[in-house]
Every structure is written in C-alpha cells, then in structure tokens.
N, C-alpha and C. Protein backbone atom coordinates (compact mmCIF):
# COMPACT_ATOMS: atom_id res chain seq x y z
N UNK A 1 5.24 16.02 -19.73
CA UNK A 1 2.65 16.04 -19.48
C UNK A 1 2.97 16.77 -18.57
N UNK A 2 2.18 17.77 -18.68
CA UNK A 2 1.95 18.59 -18.00
C UNK A 2 0.54 18.88 -17.74
N UNK A 3 -0.18 18.49 -16.00
CA UNK A 3 -1.82 18.44 -16.21
C UNK A 3 -2.81 19.54 -15.33
N UNK A 4 -3.70 20.21 -15.95
CA UNK A 4 -4.21 21.59 -15.42
C UNK A 4 -5.33 21.00 -15.93
N UNK A 5 -6.48 22.13 -14.38
CA UNK A 5 -6.80 21.98 -14.37
C UNK A 5 -8.48 20.35 -14.77
N UNK A 6 -8.08 19.97 -13.92
CA UNK A 6 -8.21 18.46 -13.90
C UNK A 6 -8.72 18.26 -12.37
N UNK A 7 -9.54 17.41 -12.28
CA UNK A 7 -9.85 16.05 -10.91
C UNK A 7 -9.01 15.71 -10.71
N UNK A 8 -7.49 14.88 -9.86
CA UNK A 8 -6.62 14.19 -9.53
C UNK A 8 -7.00 13.41 -9.18
N UNK A 9 -8.04 13.41 -8.14
CA UNK A 9 -8.69 12.57 -7.18
C UNK A 9 -9.55 12.34 -5.92
N UNK A 10 -10.50 12.15 -6.09
CA UNK A 10 -11.19 11.65 -4.69
C UNK A 10 -11.05 11.12 -3.59
N UNK A 11 -11.81 11.52 -2.66
CA UNK A 11 -11.11 11.42 -0.95
C UNK A 11 -12.31 10.81 -0.49
N UNK A 12 -12.95 9.63 0.00
CA UNK A 12 -14.09 10.06 0.41
C UNK A 12 -14.87 8.62 1.68
N UNK A 13 -15.76 8.27 2.62
CA UNK A 13 -15.95 7.35 3.64
C UNK A 13 -16.53 7.30 3.25
N UNK A 14 -18.11 7.43 2.24
CA UNK A 14 -18.97 7.05 1.74
C UNK A 14 -18.94 5.96 0.44
N UNK A 15 -18.91 5.01 -0.09
CA UNK A 15 -18.75 4.50 -0.88
C UNK A 15 -20.06 4.38 -1.94
N UNK A 16 -21.06 4.40 -1.81
CA UNK A 16 -22.63 3.78 -1.84
C UNK A 16 -22.76 5.79 -3.44
N UNK A 17 -22.02 6.17 -2.92
CA UNK A 17 -22.28 7.79 -4.08
C UNK A 17 -20.90 8.27 -5.09
N UNK A 18 -20.01 7.09 -4.69
CA UNK A 18 -18.73 7.90 -5.87
C UNK A 18 -18.90 7.05 -7.60
N UNK A 19 -18.21 7.09 -7.71
CA UNK A 19 -18.53 6.92 -9.49
C UNK A 19 -18.21 8.01 -9.44
N UNK A 20 -16.39 7.36 -10.48
CA UNK A 20 -16.13 8.27 -12.16
C UNK A 20 -15.05 7.57 -12.39
N UNK A 21 -14.27 8.77 -13.13
CA UNK A 21 -13.54 8.38 -14.10
C UNK A 21 -11.88 8.71 -12.98
N UNK A 22 -12.15 9.97 -12.28
CA UNK A 22 -10.10 10.15 -11.27
C UNK A 22 -10.68 9.11 -10.11
N UNK A 23 -9.65 8.26 -9.53
CA UNK A 23 -8.30 7.47 -8.72
C UNK A 23 -9.54 8.58 -7.89
N UNK A 24 -10.09 6.90 -6.73
CA UNK A 24 -11.24 7.72 -5.74
C UNK A 24 -10.02 6.54 -4.22
N UNK A 25 -10.52 7.24 -3.52
CA UNK A 25 -9.09 6.49 -2.10
C UNK A 25 -10.70 6.47 -1.79
N UNK A 26 -11.30 5.06 -0.61
CA UNK A 26 -11.84 4.81 0.17
C UNK A 26 -11.33 5.30 1.73
N UNK A 27 -12.11 5.43 2.48
CA UNK A 27 -11.40 5.61 4.07
C UNK A 27 -12.36 5.10 5.23
N UNK A 28 -11.73 5.49 6.13
CA UNK A 28 -13.16 4.46 7.54
C UNK A 28 -13.81 5.45 8.34
N UNK A 29 -12.97 7.01 8.74
CA UNK A 29 -12.99 7.87 9.30
C UNK A 29 -12.79 8.67 8.77
N UNK A 30 -13.15 9.78 9.06
CA UNK A 30 -13.29 11.38 8.90
C UNK A 30 -11.34 12.08 8.49
N UNK A 31 -10.69 10.83 10.32
CA UNK A 31 -8.88 11.72 10.41
C UNK A 31 -8.94 11.06 9.60
N UNK A 32 -8.83 9.70 9.00
CA UNK A 32 -8.12 9.42 8.05
C UNK A 32 -8.13 9.76 5.73
N UNK A 33 -9.88 10.43 6.25
CA UNK A 33 -9.72 11.48 5.40
C UNK A 33 -8.74 12.77 5.00
N UNK A 34 -9.40 12.63 6.41
CA UNK A 34 -8.64 15.25 6.44
C UNK A 34 -6.72 14.17 5.89
N UNK A 35 -6.64 13.08 6.66
CA UNK A 35 -5.20 12.60 6.19
C UNK A 35 -5.18 12.06 4.49
N UNK A 36 -5.09 11.20 4.18
CA UNK A 36 -5.41 10.80 3.31
C UNK A 36 -5.04 12.15 1.17
N UNK A 37 -6.03 13.37 2.72
CA UNK A 37 -6.16 14.29 1.56
C UNK A 37 -4.41 14.76 1.80
N UNK A 38 -4.92 15.92 2.51
CA UNK A 38 -3.60 15.69 2.46
C UNK A 38 -2.43 15.45 2.84
N UNK A 39 -2.49 14.37 1.91
CA UNK A 39 -0.85 14.01 1.74
C UNK A 39 -1.14 13.42 0.23
N UNK A 40 -2.40 13.79 -0.76
CA UNK A 40 -3.03 13.29 -1.93
C UNK A 40 -2.52 14.66 -2.12
N UNK A 41 -2.76 15.67 -1.31
CA UNK A 41 -2.90 17.13 -2.51
C UNK A 41 -1.42 17.03 -2.31
N UNK A 42 -0.52 16.99 -0.99
CA UNK A 42 0.91 17.10 -2.02
C UNK A 42 1.54 16.30 -2.60
N UNK A 43 1.58 15.21 -2.62
CA UNK A 43 2.63 13.95 -3.35
C UNK A 43 1.70 14.80 -4.91
N UNK A 44 0.30 15.40 -5.07
CA UNK A 44 0.31 15.68 -6.58
C UNK A 44 0.59 17.34 -6.70
N UNK A 45 0.29 17.64 -5.64
CA UNK A 45 1.01 19.42 -6.15
C UNK A 45 -0.40 19.62 -6.57
N UNK A 46 -1.45 19.19 -5.74
CA UNK A 46 -3.04 19.99 -6.15
C UNK A 46 -3.65 20.76 -5.09
N UNK A 47 -4.49 21.04 -5.74
CA UNK A 47 -5.40 21.38 -3.66
C UNK A 47 -6.38 20.86 -3.54
N UNK A 48 -6.53 20.86 -1.38
CA UNK A 48 -6.96 19.78 -1.29
C UNK A 48 -8.95 20.32 -1.78
N UNK A 49 -10.10 20.43 -1.80
CA UNK A 49 -11.49 20.99 -1.70
C UNK A 49 -12.58 19.82 -1.40
N UNK A 50 -12.89 20.40 0.45
CA UNK A 50 -13.78 19.78 1.23
C UNK A 50 -15.50 19.64 0.82
N UNK A 51 -16.04 18.61 -0.47
CA UNK A 51 -17.17 18.98 -0.62
C UNK A 51 -19.05 18.64 -0.01
N UNK A 52 -18.01 17.51 0.72
CA UNK A 52 -18.60 17.65 2.42
C UNK A 52 -18.35 16.99 3.46
N UNK A 53 -18.41 16.74 3.93
CA UNK A 53 -18.25 16.11 5.38
C UNK A 53 -17.18 14.90 5.32
N UNK A 54 -18.07 14.59 4.04
CA UNK A 54 -17.77 12.94 3.96
C UNK A 54 -16.47 12.16 2.52
N UNK A 55 -16.55 14.09 1.84
CA UNK A 55 -16.21 13.98 0.68
C UNK A 55 -15.44 15.07 0.37
N UNK A 56 -13.64 14.36 -0.19
CA UNK A 56 -12.80 15.51 -0.71
C UNK A 56 -12.38 15.42 -1.97
N UNK A 57 -11.82 16.33 -2.79
CA UNK A 57 -12.06 16.14 -3.58
C UNK A 57 -10.07 16.77 -4.42
N UNK A 58 -9.31 16.10 -4.71
CA UNK A 58 -8.03 17.05 -5.34
C UNK A 58 -7.18 17.46 -6.61
N UNK A 59 -7.89 18.80 -6.84
CA UNK A 59 -7.72 19.42 -7.99
C UNK A 59 -6.07 20.46 -8.74
N UNK A 60 -6.03 20.29 -9.65
CA UNK A 60 -4.92 20.58 -10.05
C UNK A 60 -5.68 21.89 -10.56
N UNK A 61 -5.28 23.29 -10.77
CA UNK A 61 -6.14 24.86 -10.96
C UNK A 61 -5.02 24.95 -12.05
C-alpha cells in the first residue's frame, strides 16, 4: 500500500492546541521536538514542516 498526500504525524510541545486523526507526539522541549521530527521524517520517508516554534507536521507529498 502506498500512502500519498497525507499528514503522517504531528509533533508538538503544546498539548492544549492539538487534536485529530494523525499520530501525535508530545515533546518537552524545542530540542526534543526537532529531534523527533527529524527522525520521523527519515523513518516515514516524509517531509517535516514547521508550522510554528511548537508545532511540526510530517507530510507525504
């Protein structure tokens, strides 16, 4: 099965602003946020996008 054009994951440090159907990863710091986003990007073969300083998404184009 090939997944295309989807949000694969959400990574955040702000638990109050996130809900939804994609897997959500909560981090304690900006450094951890960037580390998790980079690793998930590689694992899922997706692209990491920073939507704010506290929110990244991993997208498959």
